Amino acid sequence: MSTATGRRLGVSPYDSVFLPILAALIAVAWASLAAWTASPYGRYLDHDWTQAGFAARLCAALPGGDIVAPALIYVLGWLLMTTAMMLPTAMPLLRVFGRLVGARADAGRLIALAVGGYLFVWLGFGVAAHLLGLVILALARRWVWLTFNGWAIGATLLLTAGLFQFSRLKYLCLDACGAPLGFVAARWRGRRPALESFRLGADHGLFCVGCCWALMLLLFAVGTGSIGWMMALGGAMAVEKNAPWGRRLARPLGVALLAGAAAIAVFNLAA
């Protein structure tokens, strides 16, 4: 279908060209994660990359490899995860923006910049989460009780995520994410297209992190290499952000997370 025909039929260039490209990108990310987790290198999606195998050889071969190689592997894995899990939740905003700029000659570049800004913010969150994980591991090595009671970390993450589901910040960010038309209109002027596109994606990423950070941290409790948990958490965040009834899911999900934290604590303290 030509672009002109698409416009006559009410189909924008975004729907006919860019949407399939973004959908293919998301599908490739999921397929790559599935292949990675099923491979002998699946453990590299978790925190311990340097003890054996290919990553250990990289760490030994590269200058400063004990830092560089794990960082590169982590960045790749996190980008795949955020592309697979979080980019679908940004599709309503990208659709509004794509239809706005779809007739421009540089539409593809502007949409790519918006996607880049969005993923850049999530990458920053991933780095911060990883550093937090390293701090917790260091604490566990110094605190004997925590070394033998690692369940407390998972219970604390569940507790934190559950409590955050009832916070005002959660709902402020959900409101911003759930109004893509107003979000784009408030940020797009077209005077500096490249910068505005990147900032649009980055701003949306900030609000997305604001409403979803606690749920994403649960990956560090249930396993960052688990496709099943990635799909479950990604689905929950997509519904919260984009479904008309998504806000009503937040509190029941919070209750479930708090119940999970209590159950873990009771089971382990009573053992």
C-alpha atoms as a PDB file:
ATOM      1  CA  MET A   1       0.000   0.000   0.000  1.00  0.00           C
ATOM      2  CA  SER A   2       1.421   3.416  -0.920  1.00  0.00           C
ATOM      3  CA  THR A   3       1.652   6.213   1.630  1.00  0.00           C
ATOM      4  CA  ALA A   4      -0.894   8.293  -0.293  1.00  0.00           C
ATOM      5  CA  THR A   5      -3.364   5.395  -0.436  1.00  0.00           C
ATOM      6  CA  GLY A   6      -2.795   4.777   3.253  1.00  0.00           C
ATOM      7  CA  ARG A   7      -3.703   8.381   4.065  1.00  0.00           C
ATOM      8  CA  ARG A   8      -6.912   8.141   2.017  1.00  0.00           C
ATOM      9  CA  LEU A   9      -7.910   4.997   3.905  1.00  0.00           C
ATOM     10  CA  GLY A  10      -7.072   6.543   7.269  1.00  0.00           C
ATOM     11  CA  VAL A  11      -3.885   4.523   7.751  1.00  0.00           C
ATOM     12  CA  SER A  12      -0.913   6.657   8.782  1.00  0.00           C
ATOM     13  CA  PRO A  13       2.688   5.953   7.771  1.00  0.00           C
ATOM     14  CA  TYR A  14       3.249   5.014  11.398  1.00  0.00           C
ATOM     15  CA  ASP A  15       0.642   2.219  11.195  1.00  0.00           C
ATOM     16  CA  SER A  16       1.868   0.909   7.862  1.00  0.00           C
ATOM     17  CA  VAL A  17       5.644   1.259   8.280  1.00  0.00           C
ATOM     18  CA  PHE A  18       6.925   2.140  11.728  1.00  0.00           C
ATOM     19  CA  LEU A  19       4.554   0.024  13.831  1.00  0.00           C
ATOM     20  CA  PRO A  20       5.642  -3.226  12.113  1.00  0.00           C
ATOM     21  CA  ILE A  21       9.289  -2.229  12.575  1.00  0.00           C
ATOM     22  CA  LEU A  22       8.802  -1.583  16.299  1.00  0.00           C
ATOM     23  CA  ALA A  23       6.811  -4.802  16.677  1.00  0.00           C
ATOM     24  CA  ALA A  24       9.623  -6.700  14.941  1.00  0.00           C
ATOM     25  CA  LEU A  25      12.184  -5.072  17.276  1.00  0.00           C
ATOM     26  CA  ILE A  26      10.207  -6.199  20.322  1.00  0.00           C
ATOM     27  CA  ALA A  27       9.795  -9.712  18.884  1.00  0.00           C
ATOM     28  CA  VAL A  28      13.538  -9.960  18.207  1.00  0.00           C
ATOM     29  CA  ALA A  29      14.260  -8.847  21.793  1.00  0.00           C
ATOM     30  CA  TRP A  30      11.981 -11.559  23.216  1.00  0.00           C
ATOM     31  CA  ALA A  31      13.436 -14.193  20.890  1.00  0.00           C
ATOM     32  CA  SER A  32      16.981 -13.183  21.827  1.00  0.00           C
ATOM     33  CA  LEU A  33      16.168 -13.376  25.525  1.00  0.00           C
ATOM     34  CA  ALA A  34      14.549 -16.784  25.088  1.00  0.00           C
ATOM     35  CA  ALA A  35      17.581 -18.083  23.196  1.00  0.00           C
ATOM     36  CA  TRP A  36      19.956 -16.567  25.732  1.00  0.00           C
ATOM     37  CA  THR A  37      18.203 -18.025  28.785  1.00  0.00           C
ATOM     38  CA  ALA A  38      18.020 -21.466  27.150  1.00  0.00           C
ATOM     39  CA  SER A  39      21.718 -21.425  26.260  1.00  0.00           C
ATOM     40  CA  PRO A  40      24.670 -22.383  28.491  1.00  0.00           C
ATOM     41  CA  TYR A  41      25.224 -18.630  28.932  1.00  0.00           C
ATOM     42  CA  GLY A  42      21.826 -17.997  30.511  1.00  0.00           C
ATOM     43  CA  ARG A  43      23.413 -17.454  33.918  1.00  0.00           C
ATOM     44  CA  TYR A  44      25.007 -14.276  32.561  1.00  0.00           C
ATOM     45  CA  LEU A  45      21.611 -12.579  32.731  1.00  0.00           C
ATOM     46  CA  ASP A  46      21.974 -12.809  36.514  1.00  0.00           C
ATOM     47  CA  HIS A  47      24.599 -11.087  38.620  1.00  0.00           C
ATOM     48  CA  ASP A  48      27.433 -13.626  38.572  1.00  0.00           C
ATOM     49  CA  TRP A  49      29.242 -13.334  35.223  1.00  0.00           C
ATOM     50  CA  THR A  50      32.876 -13.763  36.071  1.00  0.00           C
ATOM     51  CA  GLN A  51      33.293 -17.159  37.686  1.00  0.00           C
ATOM     52  CA  ALA A  52      33.371 -19.569  34.735  1.00  0.00           C
ATOM     53  CA  GLY A  53      33.086 -19.975  31.001  1.00  0.00           C
ATOM     54  CA  PHE A  54      33.128 -17.381  28.241  1.00  0.00           C
ATOM     55  CA  ALA A  55      32.686 -14.325  30.482  1.00  0.00           C
ATOM     56  CA  ALA A  56      35.498 -15.420  32.771  1.00  0.00           C
ATOM     57  CA  ARG A  57      37.837 -15.707  29.769  1.00  0.00           C
ATOM     58  CA  LEU A  58      36.797 -12.205  28.643  1.00  0.00           C
ATOM     59  CA  CYS A  59      37.504 -10.860  32.105  1.00  0.00           C
ATOM     60  CA  ALA A  60      40.961 -12.420  32.029  1.00  0.00           C
ATOM     61  CA  ALA A  61      41.762 -11.244  28.499  1.00  0.00           C
ATOM     62  CA  LEU A  62      40.548  -7.631  28.534  1.00  0.00           C
ATOM     63  CA  PRO A  63      42.403  -4.831  30.323  1.00  0.00           C
ATOM     64  CA  GLY A  64      40.257  -4.172  33.349  1.00  0.00           C
ATOM     65  CA  GLY A  65      38.090  -7.025  32.115  1.00  0.00           C
ATOM     66  CA  ASP A  66      36.768  -7.891  35.559  1.00  0.00           C
ATOM     67  CA  ILE A  67      34.830  -4.620  35.296  1.00  0.00           C
ATOM     68  CA  VAL A  68      34.458  -4.059  31.539  1.00  0.00           C
ATOM     69  CA  ALA A  69      33.204  -7.489  30.454  1.00  0.00           C
ATOM     70  CA  PRO A  70      30.521  -7.844  33.165  1.00  0.00           C
ATOM     71  CA  ALA A  71      29.379  -4.275  32.476  1.00  0.00           C
ATOM     72  CA  LEU A  72      29.022  -4.901  28.735  1.00  0.00           C
ATOM     73  CA  ILE A  73      27.166  -8.184  29.282  1.00  0.00           C
ATOM     74  CA  TYR A  74      24.879  -6.544  31.811  1.00  0.00           C
ATOM     75  CA  VAL A  75      24.113  -3.590  29.528  1.00  0.00           C
ATOM     76  CA  LEU A  76      23.262  -5.912  26.644  1.00  0.00           C
ATOM     77  CA  GLY A  77      21.036  -8.092  28.789  1.00  0.00           C
ATOM     78  CA  TRP A  78      19.263  -5.153  30.401  1.00  0.00           C
ATOM     79  CA  LEU A  79      18.649  -3.435  27.061  1.00  0.00           C
ATOM     80  CA  LEU A  80      17.130  -6.649  25.709  1.00  0.00           C
ATOM     81  CA  MET A  81      14.921  -6.955  28.780  1.00  0.00           C
ATOM     82  CA  THR A  82      13.711  -3.358  28.701  1.00  0.00           C
ATOM     83  CA  THR A  83      13.096  -3.514  24.947  1.00  0.00           C
ATOM     84  CA  ALA A  84      11.065  -6.693  25.387  1.00  0.00           C
ATOM     85  CA  MET A  85       9.238  -5.745  28.590  1.00  0.00           C
ATOM     86  CA  MET A  86       8.901  -1.956  28.636  1.00  0.00           C
ATOM     87  CA  LEU A  87       8.903  -0.781  25.018  1.00  0.00           C
ATOM     88  CA  PRO A  88       5.465  -2.393  24.436  1.00  0.00           C
ATOM     89  CA  THR A  89       4.086  -0.274  27.283  1.00  0.00           C
ATOM     90  CA  ALA A  90       5.245   2.868  25.424  1.00  0.00           C
ATOM     91  CA  MET A  91       3.499   1.957  22.167  1.00  0.00           C
ATOM     92  CA  PRO A  92       0.418   4.175  22.742  1.00  0.00           C
ATOM     93  CA  LEU A  93       2.682   7.228  23.107  1.00  0.00           C
ATOM     94  CA  LEU A  94       4.815   6.208  20.130  1.00  0.00           C
ATOM     95  CA  ARG A  95       1.674   5.759  18.060  1.00  0.00           C
ATOM     96  CA  VAL A  96       0.477   9.285  18.859  1.00  0.00           C
ATOM     97  CA  PHE A  97       3.916  10.698  18.123  1.00  0.00           C
ATOM     98  CA  GLY A  98       4.289   8.576  14.988  1.00  0.00           C
ATOM     99  CA  ARG A  99       1.003   9.825  13.575  1.00  0.00           C
ATOM    100  CA  LEU A 100       2.022  13.395  14.371  1.00  0.00           C
ATOM    101  CA  VAL A 101       5.349  13.222  12.521  1.00  0.00           C
ATOM    102  CA  GLY A 102       4.572  10.381  10.094  1.00  0.00           C
ATOM    103  CA  ALA A 103       4.342  12.642   7.045  1.00  0.00           C
ATOM    104  CA  ARG A 104       7.788  14.159   7.650  1.00  0.00           C
ATOM    105  CA  ALA A 105      10.782  12.995   5.636  1.00  0.00           C
ATOM    106  CA  ASP A 106      12.720  12.422   8.866  1.00  0.00           C
ATOM    107  CA  ALA A 107       9.886  10.591  10.658  1.00  0.00           C
ATOM    108  CA  GLY A 108      11.847   7.374  11.065  1.00  0.00           C
ATOM    109  CA  ARG A 109      14.784   9.185  12.669  1.00  0.00           C
ATOM    110  CA  LEU A 110      12.506  11.095  15.051  1.00  0.00           C
ATOM    111  CA  ILE A 111      10.695   7.947  16.172  1.00  0.00           C
ATOM    112  CA  ALA A 112      14.042   6.186  16.623  1.00  0.00           C
ATOM    113  CA  LEU A 113      15.258   9.096  18.777  1.00  0.00           C
ATOM    114  CA  ALA A 114      12.122   8.891  20.931  1.00  0.00           C
ATOM    115  CA  VAL A 115      12.668   5.149  21.391  1.00  0.00           C
ATOM    116  CA  GLY A 116      16.337   5.822  22.149  1.00  0.00           C
ATOM    117  CA  GLY A 117      15.466   8.401  24.805  1.00  0.00           C
ATOM    118  CA  TYR A 118      13.010   6.010  26.414  1.00  0.00           C
ATOM    119  CA  LEU A 119      15.483   3.113  26.539  1.00  0.00           C
ATOM    120  CA  PHE A 120      18.298   5.426  27.687  1.00  0.00           C
ATOM    121  CA  VAL A 121      16.362   6.269  30.853  1.00  0.00           C
ATOM    122  CA  TRP A 122      15.619   2.612  31.513  1.00  0.00           C
ATOM    123  CA  LEU A 123      19.286   1.802  30.997  1.00  0.00           C
ATOM    124  CA  GLY A 124      20.149   4.389  33.642  1.00  0.00           C
ATOM    125  CA  PHE A 125      17.695   2.743  36.014  1.00  0.00           C
ATOM    126  CA  GLY A 126      19.233  -0.651  35.262  1.00  0.00           C
ATOM    127  CA  VAL A 127      22.718   0.609  36.094  1.00  0.00           C
ATOM    128  CA  ALA A 128      21.445   2.095  39.369  1.00  0.00           C
ATOM    129  CA  ALA A 129      19.654  -1.168  40.224  1.00  0.00           C
ATOM    130  CA  HIS A 130      22.788  -3.159  39.463  1.00  0.00           C
ATOM    131  CA  LEU A 131      24.891  -0.911  41.715  1.00  0.00           C
ATOM    132  CA  LEU A 132      22.301  -1.346  44.465  1.00  0.00           C
ATOM    133  CA  GLY A 133      22.601  -5.102  43.982  1.00  0.00           C
ATOM    134  CA  LEU A 134      26.366  -4.907  44.387  1.00  0.00           C
ATOM    135  CA  VAL A 135      25.929  -2.929  47.624  1.00  0.00           C
ATOM    136  CA  ILE A 136      23.518  -5.577  48.943  1.00  0.00           C
ATOM    137  CA  LEU A 137      25.947  -8.362  48.011  1.00  0.00           C
ATOM    138  CA  ALA A 138      28.753  -6.555  49.808  1.00  0.00           C
ATOM    139  CA  LEU A 139      26.508  -6.121  52.845  1.00  0.00           C
ATOM    140  CA  ALA A 140      25.618  -9.826  52.771  1.00  0.00           C
ATOM    141  CA  ARG A 141      29.305 -10.743  52.841  1.00  0.00           C
ATOM    142  CA  ARG A 142      29.868  -8.600  55.946  1.00  0.00           C
ATOM    143  CA  TRP A 143      26.645  -9.467  57.773  1.00  0.00           C
ATOM    144  CA  VAL A 144      26.589 -13.159  58.682  1.00  0.00           C
ATOM    145  CA  TRP A 145      22.863 -13.253  59.391  1.00  0.00           C
ATOM    146  CA  LEU A 146      22.016 -11.912  55.940  1.00  0.00           C
ATOM    147  CA  THR A 147      24.443 -14.367  54.320  1.00  0.00           C
ATOM    148  CA  PHE A 148      22.407 -17.264  55.713  1.00  0.00           C
ATOM    149  CA  ASN A 149      19.010 -15.577  55.335  1.00  0.00           C
ATOM    150  CA  GLY A 150      18.979 -14.358  51.753  1.00  0.00           C
ATOM    151  CA  TRP A 151      15.193 -14.746  51.734  1.00  0.00           C
ATOM    152  CA  ALA A 152      15.050 -11.431  53.636  1.00  0.00           C
ATOM    153  CA  ILE A 153      16.238  -9.582  50.517  1.00  0.00           C
ATOM    154  CA  GLY A 154      13.441 -11.031  48.400  1.00  0.00           C
ATOM    155  CA  ALA A 155      10.865 -10.352  51.118  1.00  0.00           C
ATOM    156  CA  THR A 156      12.077  -6.749  51.420  1.00  0.00           C
ATOM    157  CA  LEU A 157      11.788  -6.218  47.663  1.00  0.00           C
ATOM    158  CA  LEU A 158       8.247  -7.633  47.695  1.00  0.00           C
ATOM    159  CA  LEU A 159       7.366  -5.428  50.661  1.00  0.00           C
ATOM    160  CA  THR A 160       8.796  -2.332  48.950  1.00  0.00           C
ATOM    161  CA  ALA A 161       6.975  -3.064  45.689  1.00  0.00           C
ATOM    162  CA  GLY A 162       3.724  -3.757  47.540  1.00  0.00           C
ATOM    163  CA  LEU A 163       3.839  -0.538  49.545  1.00  0.00           C
ATOM    164  CA  PHE A 164       4.720   1.523  46.476  1.00  0.00           C
ATOM    165  CA  GLN A 165       1.526   0.321  44.774  1.00  0.00           C
ATOM    166  CA  PHE A 166      -0.410   2.506  47.233  1.00  0.00           C
ATOM    167  CA  SER A 167       1.788   5.611  46.917  1.00  0.00           C
ATOM    168  CA  ARG A 168       0.705   8.938  45.433  1.00  0.00           C
ATOM    169  CA  LEU A 169       3.772   8.979  43.157  1.00  0.00           C
ATOM    170  CA  LYS A 170       2.621   5.723  41.574  1.00  0.00           C
ATOM    171  CA  TYR A 171      -0.693   7.236  40.530  1.00  0.00           C
ATOM    172  CA  LEU A 172       0.770  10.561  39.397  1.00  0.00           C
ATOM    173  CA  CYS A 173       3.096   8.697  37.048  1.00  0.00           C
ATOM    174  CA  LEU A 174       0.323   6.370  35.873  1.00  0.00           C
ATOM    175  CA  ASP A 175      -1.818   9.412  35.025  1.00  0.00           C
ATOM    176  CA  ALA A 176       0.988  10.890  32.914  1.00  0.00           C
ATOM    177  CA  CYS A 177       1.674   7.601  31.125  1.00  0.00           C
ATOM    178  CA  GLY A 178      -2.014   6.996  30.517  1.00  0.00           C
ATOM    179  CA  ALA A 179      -2.547  10.265  28.589  1.00  0.00           C
ATOM    180  CA  PRO A 180      -0.244   9.962  25.554  1.00  0.00           C
ATOM    181  CA  LEU A 181      -1.961  12.655  23.487  1.00  0.00           C
ATOM    182  CA  GLY A 182      -1.574  15.293  26.185  1.00  0.00           C
ATOM    183  CA  PHE A 183       1.948  14.080  26.950  1.00  0.00           C
ATOM    184  CA  VAL A 184       3.061  14.573  23.345  1.00  0.00           C
ATOM    185  CA  ALA A 185       1.210  17.871  22.920  1.00  0.00           C
ATOM    186  CA  ALA A 186       2.940  19.321  25.983  1.00  0.00           C
ATOM    187  CA  ARG A 187       6.421  18.440  24.713  1.00  0.00           C
ATOM    188  CA  TRP A 188       6.432  18.645  20.912  1.00  0.00           C
ATOM    189  CA  ARG A 189       6.862  21.994  19.200  1.00  0.00           C
ATOM    190  CA  GLY A 190       8.855  20.917  16.148  1.00  0.00           C
ATOM    191  CA  ARG A 191      11.409  23.719  16.502  1.00  0.00           C
ATOM    192  CA  ARG A 192      14.312  21.376  17.361  1.00  0.00           C
ATOM    193  CA  PRO A 193      12.932  18.064  16.157  1.00  0.00           C
ATOM    194  CA  ALA A 194      15.816  15.758  17.082  1.00  0.00           C
ATOM    195  CA  LEU A 195      16.255  17.106  20.599  1.00  0.00           C
ATOM    196  CA  GLU A 196      12.500  17.279  21.247  1.00  0.00           C
ATOM    197  CA  SER A 197      12.045  13.686  20.049  1.00  0.00           C
ATOM    198  CA  PHE A 198      14.775  12.349  22.324  1.00  0.00           C
ATOM    199  CA  ARG A 199      13.477  14.387  25.272  1.00  0.00           C
ATOM    200  CA  LEU A 200       9.932  13.179  24.610  1.00  0.00           C
ATOM    201  CA  GLY A 201      11.081   9.574  24.869  1.00  0.00           C
ATOM    202  CA  ALA A 202      13.285  10.320  27.881  1.00  0.00           C
ATOM    203  CA  ASP A 203      10.503  12.171  29.709  1.00  0.00           C
ATOM    204  CA  HIS A 204       8.122   9.299  29.094  1.00  0.00           C
ATOM    205  CA  GLY A 205      10.821   6.923  30.307  1.00  0.00           C
ATOM    206  CA  LEU A 206      11.162   8.920  33.542  1.00  0.00           C
ATOM    207  CA  PHE A 207       7.430   8.705  34.242  1.00  0.00           C
ATOM    208  CA  CYS A 208       7.473   5.041  33.261  1.00  0.00           C
ATOM    209  CA  VAL A 209      10.315   4.367  35.702  1.00  0.00           C
ATOM    210  CA  GLY A 210       8.367   6.384  38.261  1.00  0.00           C
ATOM    211  CA  CYS A 211       5.371   4.060  38.122  1.00  0.00           C
ATOM    212  CA  CYS A 212       7.167   0.768  37.422  1.00  0.00           C
ATOM    213  CA  TRP A 213      10.557   0.837  39.203  1.00  0.00           C
ATOM    214  CA  ALA A 214       9.444  -1.236  42.167  1.00  0.00           C
ATOM    215  CA  LEU A 215       7.954  -3.967  39.965  1.00  0.00           C
ATOM    216  CA  MET A 216      11.111  -4.033  37.849  1.00  0.00           C
ATOM    217  CA  LEU A 217      13.213  -4.484  40.989  1.00  0.00           C
ATOM    218  CA  LEU A 218      11.300  -7.705  41.603  1.00  0.00           C
ATOM    219  CA  LEU A 219      13.261  -9.196  38.711  1.00  0.00           C
ATOM    220  CA  PHE A 220      16.272  -9.199  41.017  1.00  0.00           C
ATOM    221  CA  ALA A 221      14.265 -11.260  43.513  1.00  0.00           C
ATOM    222  CA  VAL A 222      12.656 -13.763  41.140  1.00  0.00           C
ATOM    223  CA  GLY A 223      15.563 -13.975  38.683  1.00  0.00           C
ATOM    224  CA  THR A 224      16.497 -11.625  35.872  1.00  0.00           C
ATOM    225  CA  GLY A 225      16.944 -14.624  33.590  1.00  0.00           C
ATOM    226  CA  SER A 226      13.362 -15.904  33.925  1.00  0.00           C
ATOM    227  CA  ILE A 227      11.326 -15.391  30.750  1.00  0.00           C
ATOM    228  CA  GLY A 228       8.137 -16.334  32.578  1.00  0.00           C
ATOM    229  CA  TRP A 229       8.576 -13.649  35.227  1.00  0.00           C
ATOM    230  CA  MET A 230       9.595 -11.097  32.602  1.00  0.00           C
ATOM    231  CA  MET A 231       6.366 -11.741  30.697  1.00  0.00           C
ATOM    232  CA  ALA A 232       4.219 -11.680  33.843  1.00  0.00           C
ATOM    233  CA  LEU A 233       5.700  -8.444  35.181  1.00  0.00           C
ATOM    234  CA  GLY A 234       5.777  -6.831  31.725  1.00  0.00           C
ATOM    235  CA  GLY A 235       2.114  -7.729  31.229  1.00  0.00           C
ATOM    236  CA  ALA A 236       1.151  -6.306  34.622  1.00  0.00           C
ATOM    237  CA  MET A 237       2.951  -3.033  33.908  1.00  0.00           C
ATOM    238  CA  ALA A 238       1.418  -2.763  30.432  1.00  0.00           C
ATOM    239  CA  VAL A 239      -2.090  -3.225  31.852  1.00  0.00           C
ATOM    240  CA  GLU A 240      -1.485  -0.719  34.655  1.00  0.00           C
ATOM    241  CA  LYS A 241      -0.210   1.923  32.248  1.00  0.00           C
ATOM    242  CA  ASN A 242      -2.450   1.500  29.219  1.00  0.00           C
ATOM    243  CA  ALA A 243      -5.662  -0.414  29.956  1.00  0.00           C
ATOM    244  CA  PRO A 244      -8.704   1.778  30.769  1.00  0.00           C
ATOM    245  CA  TRP A 245      -9.111  -0.183  34.002  1.00  0.00           C
ATOM    246  CA  GLY A 246      -5.374  -0.463  34.665  1.00  0.00           C
ATOM    247  CA  ARG A 247      -5.342   1.819  37.691  1.00  0.00           C
ATOM    248  CA  ARG A 248      -7.735  -0.561  39.428  1.00  0.00           C
ATOM    249  CA  LEU A 249      -5.127  -3.307  39.187  1.00  0.00           C
ATOM    250  CA  ALA A 250      -2.528  -1.404  41.227  1.00  0.00           C
ATOM    251  CA  ARG A 251      -3.996  -1.880  44.695  1.00  0.00           C
ATOM    252  CA  PRO A 252      -4.957  -5.591  44.368  1.00  0.00           C
ATOM    253  CA  LEU A 253      -1.473  -6.231  42.998  1.00  0.00           C
ATOM    254  CA  GLY A 254      -0.036  -4.339  45.964  1.00  0.00           C
ATOM    255  CA  VAL A 255      -2.036  -6.514  48.375  1.00  0.00           C
ATOM    256  CA  ALA A 256      -0.752  -9.658  46.624  1.00  0.00           C
ATOM    257  CA  LEU A 257       2.851  -8.444  46.874  1.00  0.00           C
ATOM    258  CA  LEU A 258       2.490  -7.604  50.576  1.00  0.00           C
ATOM    259  CA  ALA A 259       0.925 -11.017  51.195  1.00  0.00           C
ATOM    260  CA  GLY A 260       3.836 -12.637  49.371  1.00  0.00           C
ATOM    261  CA  ALA A 261       6.360 -10.749  51.501  1.00  0.00           C
ATOM    262  CA  ALA A 262       4.522 -11.788  54.695  1.00  0.00           C
ATOM    263  CA  ALA A 263       4.314 -15.416  53.579  1.00  0.00           C
ATOM    264  CA  ILE A 264       8.057 -15.579  52.845  1.00  0.00           C
ATOM    265  CA  ALA A 265       8.889 -14.040  56.218  1.00  0.00           C
ATOM    266  CA  VAL A 266       6.540 -16.285  58.196  1.00  0.00           C
ATOM    267  CA  PHE A 267       7.693 -19.458  56.413  1.00  0.00           C
ATOM    268  CA  ASN A 268      11.385 -18.743  56.962  1.00  0.00           C
ATOM    269  CA  LEU A 269      11.140 -17.387  60.512  1.00  0.00           C
ATOM    270  CA  ALA A 270       9.013 -20.344  61.584  1.00  0.00           C
ATOM    271  CA  ALA A 271      11.377 -22.903  60.001  1.00  0.00           C
END
